[in-house]
Amino acid sequence: MMMNIPQITEADIRPLATDQSWSRGEDYYYSYRVEAIIWRDGLLIAEVEGSEYEPYIVQVEFDGNQICSTNCTCPYDWDGDCKHIIAALLYLCHRRDDIEQRPSVNELIASLSHSQLIELITDLSCLHPAIIEDIERIVSSGSYSS
């Protein structure tokens, strides 16, 4: 069951930013630098064009209409959220109906068989070798013993 996309206002976003990151975030939003944006089970994920070749990835976690956490792959390390996060949140504020809703991970894998799940995890570990260490750590902790 998909969670509804939150309704937020500029007044909800403004306290997250410094004057400069707010102004730059507005510029990025109005310059159409938010290239892709989706909603998946309480998480807003956006690609925002920046100064690098690849877009920055923004993630904003919500609990209902409340912002719980924000993250961006850019190197911004000052007060408040970066311009990329602000641009993505302004997109949510002003173009909420244009955001694509996608199913949660649980919904995506619910119909897979045991062998399909093993194949999926194996394929993912080939694509992202670093995940193998995470799998080993989680399995070793005994969290998934049967």
Protein backbone atom coordinates (compact mmCIF):
# COMPACT_ATOMS: atom_id res chain seq x y z
CA MET A 1 0.00 0.00 0.00
CA MET A 2 1.57 3.27 -1.12
CA MET A 3 1.88 6.18 1.31
CA ASN A 4 0.46 9.48 0.17
CA ILE A 5 2.86 12.12 -1.06
CA PRO A 6 3.11 14.75 1.70
CA GLN A 7 1.72 18.24 1.41
CA ILE A 8 4.25 20.83 2.51
CA THR A 9 4.56 24.58 2.11
CA GLU A 10 7.48 26.95 1.69
CA ALA A 11 6.99 27.81 5.38
CA ASP A 12 7.78 24.15 6.20
CA ILE A 13 10.95 24.23 4.08
CA ARG A 14 12.35 27.66 4.96
CA PRO A 15 13.67 26.80 8.46
CA LEU A 16 15.86 24.08 6.93
CA ALA A 17 17.95 26.55 4.92
CA THR A 18 20.31 29.44 5.38
CA ASP A 19 19.50 32.59 3.40
CA GLN A 20 22.08 31.59 0.78
CA SER A 21 21.00 27.96 0.38
CA TRP A 22 17.35 29.09 0.21
CA SER A 23 18.13 31.60 -2.54
CA ARG A 24 20.30 29.12 -4.47
CA GLY A 25 17.70 26.36 -3.99
CA GLU A 26 15.01 28.63 -5.45
CA ASP A 27 17.30 29.37 -8.41
CA TYR A 28 17.85 25.64 -8.95
CA TYR A 29 14.13 24.89 -8.72
CA TYR A 30 13.10 27.69 -11.11
CA SER A 31 15.96 26.75 -13.49
CA TYR A 32 14.50 23.22 -13.81
CA ARG A 33 17.54 21.55 -12.25
CA VAL A 34 15.39 18.94 -10.50
CA GLU A 35 15.73 16.35 -13.23
CA ALA A 36 13.96 13.33 -11.78
CA ILE A 37 11.87 12.93 -8.66
CA ILE A 38 9.97 9.98 -7.23
CA TRP A 39 8.06 9.09 -4.08
CA ARG A 40 8.59 5.66 -2.56
CA ASP A 41 7.08 4.66 0.79
CA GLY A 42 7.87 7.75 2.88
CA LEU A 43 10.97 8.70 0.92
CA LEU A 44 11.33 11.46 -1.66
CA ILE A 45 14.24 10.74 -4.03
CA ALA A 46 15.41 13.35 -6.54
CA GLU A 47 18.23 13.87 -9.00
CA VAL A 48 19.31 17.50 -9.02
CA GLU A 49 21.73 18.94 -11.55
CA GLY A 50 24.76 20.54 -9.95
CA SER A 51 28.31 21.47 -10.80
CA GLU A 52 29.43 17.87 -11.40
CA TYR A 53 28.77 15.78 -14.52
CA GLU A 54 26.44 13.42 -12.65
CA PRO A 55 23.41 14.87 -10.84
CA TYR A 56 23.38 14.89 -7.04
CA ILE A 57 21.01 12.45 -5.34
CA VAL A 58 18.70 13.97 -2.74
CA GLN A 59 16.75 11.86 -0.24
CA VAL A 60 14.17 13.26 2.14
CA GLU A 61 12.45 10.96 4.61
CA PHE A 62 8.96 11.82 5.84
CA ASP A 63 6.61 10.72 8.58
CA GLY A 64 3.26 11.88 7.28
CA ASN A 65 3.74 15.53 6.32
CA GLN A 66 6.74 15.95 8.63
CA ILE A 67 10.30 15.96 7.30
CA CYS A 68 12.34 13.48 9.38
CA SER A 69 15.72 13.60 7.66
CA THR A 70 17.45 14.98 4.57
CA ASN A 71 20.52 13.85 2.68
CA CYS A 72 22.36 14.88 -0.49
CA THR A 73 25.41 13.42 -2.21
CA CYS A 74 26.94 16.89 -2.70
CA PRO A 75 29.87 17.96 -0.48
CA TYR A 76 27.91 20.78 1.26
CA ASP A 77 29.00 20.89 4.90
CA TRP A 78 27.68 24.14 6.38
CA ASP A 79 24.59 25.16 8.34
CA GLY A 80 21.18 24.18 7.04
CA ASP A 81 20.36 21.99 4.08
CA CYS A 82 22.03 22.41 0.69
CA LYS A 83 20.51 24.08 -2.36
CA HIS A 84 19.82 20.68 -3.97
CA ILE A 85 17.63 19.57 -1.06
CA ILE A 86 15.83 22.91 -1.05
CA ALA A 87 15.22 22.68 -4.82
CA ALA A 88 13.78 19.15 -4.46
CA LEU A 89 11.53 20.24 -1.58
CA LEU A 90 10.32 23.24 -3.57
CA TYR A 91 9.44 20.84 -6.38
CA LEU A 92 7.42 18.80 -3.88
CA CYS A 93 5.76 21.97 -2.60
CA HIS A 94 4.79 23.35 -6.02
CA ARG A 95 4.54 20.31 -8.30
CA ARG A 96 3.37 17.55 -5.98
CA ASP A 97 1.01 16.08 -8.62
CA ASP A 98 3.92 15.65 -11.06
CA ILE A 99 5.85 13.32 -8.75
CA GLU A 100 5.80 9.67 -9.74
CA GLN A 101 4.74 7.26 -7.00
CA ARG A 102 6.52 3.92 -6.94
CA PRO A 103 5.90 0.83 -4.80
CA SER A 104 7.87 0.09 -1.63
CA VAL A 105 10.63 -2.51 -1.66
CA ASN A 106 8.33 -4.88 0.24
CA GLU A 107 5.68 -4.50 -2.45
CA LEU A 108 8.27 -5.05 -5.19
CA ILE A 109 9.58 -8.34 -3.78
CA ALA A 110 6.45 -9.75 -2.09
CA SER A 111 5.55 -12.03 -4.99
CA LEU A 112 9.08 -13.40 -5.57
CA SER A 113 9.84 -17.02 -4.74
CA HIS A 114 12.73 -18.08 -2.50
CA SER A 115 14.93 -18.86 -5.50
CA GLN A 116 14.04 -15.55 -7.17
CA LEU A 117 15.00 -13.67 -3.96
CA ILE A 118 18.36 -15.47 -3.86
CA GLU A 119 18.93 -14.63 -7.53
CA LEU A 120 18.00 -10.98 -6.91
CA ILE A 121 20.41 -10.68 -3.96
CA THR A 122 23.16 -12.38 -5.97
CA ASP A 123 22.59 -10.04 -8.93
CA LEU A 124 22.59 -6.99 -6.65
CA SER A 125 25.85 -8.08 -5.01
CA CYS A 126 27.45 -8.34 -8.46
CA LEU A 127 26.24 -4.84 -9.35
CA HIS A 128 27.17 -3.38 -5.94
CA PRO A 129 30.01 -5.49 -4.43
CA ALA A 130 30.11 -3.35 -1.26
CA ILE A 131 26.69 -4.73 -0.30
CA ILE A 132 28.26 -8.15 0.31
CA GLU A 133 29.90 -6.83 3.50
CA ASP A 134 26.52 -5.51 4.67
CA ILE A 135 24.86 -8.86 3.94
CA GLU A 136 27.58 -10.72 5.82
CA ARG A 137 27.35 -8.37 8.82
CA ILE A 138 23.56 -8.68 9.03
CA VAL A 139 23.53 -12.46 8.56
CA SER A 140 26.37 -12.88 11.11
CA SER A 141 24.43 -10.88 13.69
CA GLY A 142 21.82 -13.63 13.78
CA SER A 143 18.99 -11.26 12.84
CA TYR A 144 17.75 -13.63 10.13
CA SER A 145 18.26 -17.06 11.66
CA SER A 146 15.38 -19.45 11.03
